[in-house]
Amino acid sequence: MKPLTESEIRAAFVNCSKGEAARLNVPRDLAERSWDDLDFLGWRDPQAPDRGYLVIELDGRLVAIVLRASGATAWQARGSLCSLCRTPHADGVSLLVAPRAGKAGKQGHSVGAYMCADLACSLYMRGLKDPGTRFRESLTLEEKIDRMTGNLTAFLAKVLE
């Protein structure tokens, strides 16, 4: 992923108002991120633990979405598999819900998926972060990236419908 600036990130949000995008907490360590190891940028809001954000480049444009952890489990569900990167976690997958873009989102419609709670799918796939449990796959890293990108693109298509 190419390095992003705070203003690029804020301008890319599709499922919140411009005012909400201006107020949300963008990571302060953007300059220090290992961008070559990221297929998308995902982070949790340190001031609102039930909130998360995700940014990816799709068809040459940045798309960012707001996510909320669903239910009382907030960011911790036990013994689950991330629906994006397919990483198994003994602890650390959550149901994350995104308001749909446009009129549907304003009417309260949303879509959800089980994802790595810390949104660090790229790091788990590359073995740069340990999920606590692992299973062997015969896929190459490129095939895992393609699978995850396809899963994320499908999720984002539902948000953008």
Protein backbone atom coordinates (compact mmCIF):
# COMPACT_ATOMS: atom_id res chain seq x y z
CA MET A 1 0.00 0.00 0.00
CA LYS A 2 1.24 3.50 -0.72
CA PRO A 3 1.79 5.81 2.26
CA LEU A 4 -1.27 7.90 3.12
CA THR A 5 -1.67 11.31 4.66
CA GLU A 6 -4.24 12.31 7.24
CA SER A 7 -6.07 14.52 4.73
CA GLU A 8 -6.23 11.68 2.14
CA ILE A 9 -7.67 9.36 4.77
CA ARG A 10 -10.29 11.84 5.98
CA ALA A 11 -11.41 12.62 2.40
CA ALA A 12 -11.89 8.90 1.59
CA PHE A 13 -14.69 8.09 4.07
CA VAL A 14 -17.87 6.95 2.33
CA ASN A 15 -20.16 5.95 5.22
CA CYS A 16 -20.02 8.96 7.51
CA SER A 17 -20.48 12.69 7.19
CA LYS A 18 -17.59 15.04 6.39
CA GLY A 19 -17.93 16.41 9.91
CA GLU A 20 -17.60 12.93 11.44
CA ALA A 21 -14.59 12.21 9.21
CA ALA A 22 -12.98 15.46 10.36
CA ARG A 23 -13.43 14.52 14.04
CA LEU A 24 -12.36 10.87 14.02
CA ASN A 25 -8.97 9.84 15.39
CA VAL A 26 -6.44 9.10 12.64
CA PRO A 27 -3.29 7.21 13.70
CA ARG A 28 -0.47 9.53 14.73
CA ASP A 29 2.20 7.13 13.46
CA LEU A 30 1.40 7.28 9.73
CA ALA A 31 5.00 8.24 8.85
CA GLU A 32 6.37 5.24 10.78
CA ARG A 33 3.99 2.61 9.36
CA SER A 34 5.50 -0.23 7.35
CA TRP A 35 3.38 0.54 4.27
CA ASP A 36 5.01 -2.20 2.16
CA ASP A 37 3.55 -4.78 4.58
CA LEU A 38 0.00 -3.38 4.41
CA ASP A 39 -2.69 -4.29 1.92
CA PHE A 40 -5.09 -1.89 3.65
CA LEU A 41 -4.85 0.46 6.62
CA GLY A 42 -6.99 -0.54 9.56
CA TRP A 43 -7.00 0.77 13.13
CA ARG A 44 -9.04 0.98 16.30
CA ASP A 45 -9.92 4.27 17.87
CA PRO A 46 -8.00 4.54 21.15
CA GLN A 47 -10.60 6.95 22.55
CA ALA A 48 -13.62 4.88 21.50
CA PRO A 49 -12.75 1.16 21.78
CA ASP A 50 -15.90 0.05 19.96
CA ARG A 51 -14.89 1.98 16.82
CA GLY A 52 -12.56 1.04 14.02
CA TYR A 53 -11.63 2.35 10.60
CA LEU A 54 -10.44 0.79 7.39
CA VAL A 55 -8.89 2.38 4.26
CA ILE A 56 -8.07 0.63 0.98
CA GLU A 57 -7.41 1.63 -2.60
CA LEU A 58 -10.10 0.29 -4.94
CA ASP A 59 -10.01 0.88 -8.68
CA GLY A 60 -7.52 3.72 -8.27
CA ARG A 61 -9.37 5.60 -5.53
CA LEU A 62 -9.18 5.48 -1.76
CA VAL A 63 -12.21 4.15 0.09
CA ALA A 64 -12.47 4.43 3.87
CA ILE A 65 -15.20 3.14 6.15
CA VAL A 66 -16.22 3.50 9.77
CA LEU A 67 -16.77 0.26 11.71
CA ARG A 68 -18.36 -0.48 15.07
CA ALA A 69 -17.95 -3.56 17.21
CA SER A 70 -21.29 -5.24 17.60
CA GLY A 71 -22.72 -6.32 20.94
CA ALA A 72 -21.32 -6.61 24.43
CA THR A 73 -18.24 -8.52 23.31
CA ALA A 74 -16.92 -5.29 21.80
CA TRP A 75 -13.59 -6.23 20.23
CA GLN A 76 -13.14 -9.76 21.62
CA ALA A 77 -14.86 -12.87 20.33
CA ARG A 78 -13.32 -16.25 21.15
CA GLY A 79 -12.17 -19.02 18.87
CA SER A 80 -13.07 -17.50 15.51
CA LEU A 81 -11.82 -17.06 11.98
CA CYS A 82 -11.45 -13.67 10.29
CA SER A 83 -13.71 -13.54 7.23
CA LEU A 84 -11.22 -11.31 5.39
CA CYS A 85 -7.80 -12.92 5.84
CA ARG A 86 -9.02 -16.29 7.17
CA THR A 87 -6.65 -16.09 10.14
CA PRO A 88 -7.80 -18.23 13.07
CA HIS A 89 -7.71 -16.55 16.47
CA ALA A 90 -8.03 -18.10 19.89
CA ASP A 91 -9.01 -14.60 21.00
CA GLY A 92 -9.35 -11.52 18.81
CA VAL A 93 -12.05 -11.73 16.14
CA SER A 94 -15.04 -9.42 16.35
CA LEU A 95 -18.24 -8.81 14.50
CA LEU A 96 -17.60 -5.40 12.97
CA VAL A 97 -20.52 -3.53 11.49
CA ALA A 98 -20.34 -0.74 8.92
CA PRO A 99 -23.18 1.65 8.19
CA ARG A 100 -24.05 1.51 4.51
CA ALA A 101 -23.10 4.50 2.40
CA GLY A 102 -25.65 7.10 1.34
CA LYS A 103 -29.36 7.04 1.97
CA ALA A 104 -29.38 3.41 3.20
CA GLY A 105 -26.90 4.24 5.95
CA LYS A 106 -28.89 7.28 7.01
CA GLN A 107 -31.90 4.97 7.37
CA GLY A 108 -29.90 2.76 9.72
CA HIS A 109 -28.94 -0.04 7.33
CA SER A 110 -25.59 -1.72 7.94
CA VAL A 111 -23.51 -4.75 7.01
CA GLY A 112 -21.21 -6.76 9.22
CA ALA A 113 -18.44 -9.33 9.08
CA TYR A 114 -16.20 -11.16 11.51
CA MET A 115 -12.75 -9.56 11.26
CA CYS A 116 -9.46 -9.49 13.11
CA ALA A 117 -10.33 -7.22 16.04
CA ASP A 118 -7.21 -5.11 15.56
CA LEU A 119 -7.66 -4.97 11.75
CA ALA A 120 -4.08 -6.21 11.28
CA CYS A 121 -4.91 -8.86 8.65
CA SER A 122 -1.90 -7.94 6.49
CA LEU A 123 0.51 -8.51 9.37
CA TYR A 124 -1.04 -11.85 10.34
CA MET A 125 -0.84 -13.13 6.75
CA ARG A 126 2.84 -12.20 6.54
CA GLY A 127 3.67 -13.79 9.89
CA LEU A 128 4.62 -10.38 11.33
CA LYS A 129 2.03 -10.67 14.06
CA ASP A 130 1.08 -13.84 15.94
CA PRO A 131 -2.64 -14.60 16.26
CA GLY A 132 -1.99 -17.11 19.04
CA THR A 133 -3.08 -20.06 16.92
CA ARG A 134 -2.30 -21.09 13.39
CA PHE A 135 -3.11 -23.67 10.76
CA ARG A 136 -1.09 -24.59 7.73
CA GLU A 137 -2.19 -23.38 4.33
CA SER A 138 -0.73 -24.33 0.98
CA LEU A 139 -1.47 -20.89 -0.50
CA THR A 140 1.37 -18.53 -1.34
CA LEU A 141 1.42 -15.07 0.22
CA GLU A 142 0.23 -13.57 -3.07
CA GLU A 143 -2.72 -15.99 -3.14
CA LYS A 144 -3.59 -15.10 0.46
CA ILE A 145 -3.43 -11.40 -0.40
CA ASP A 146 -5.68 -11.94 -3.43
CA ARG A 147 -8.18 -13.90 -1.31
CA MET A 148 -8.23 -11.24 1.42
CA THR A 149 -8.53 -8.40 -1.09
CA GLY A 150 -11.42 -10.21 -2.77
CA ASN A 151 -13.17 -10.75 0.57
CA LEU A 152 -12.67 -7.11 1.56
CA THR A 153 -13.82 -5.87 -1.87
CA ALA A 154 -17.00 -7.97 -1.54
CA PHE A 155 -17.65 -6.51 1.93
CA LEU A 156 -17.08 -2.97 0.69
CA ALA A 157 -19.42 -3.56 -2.25
CA LYS A 158 -22.18 -4.29 0.28
CA VAL A 159 -21.34 -1.08 2.17
CA LEU A 160 -21.43 0.93 -1.06
CA GLU A 161 -24.69 -0.60 -2.44
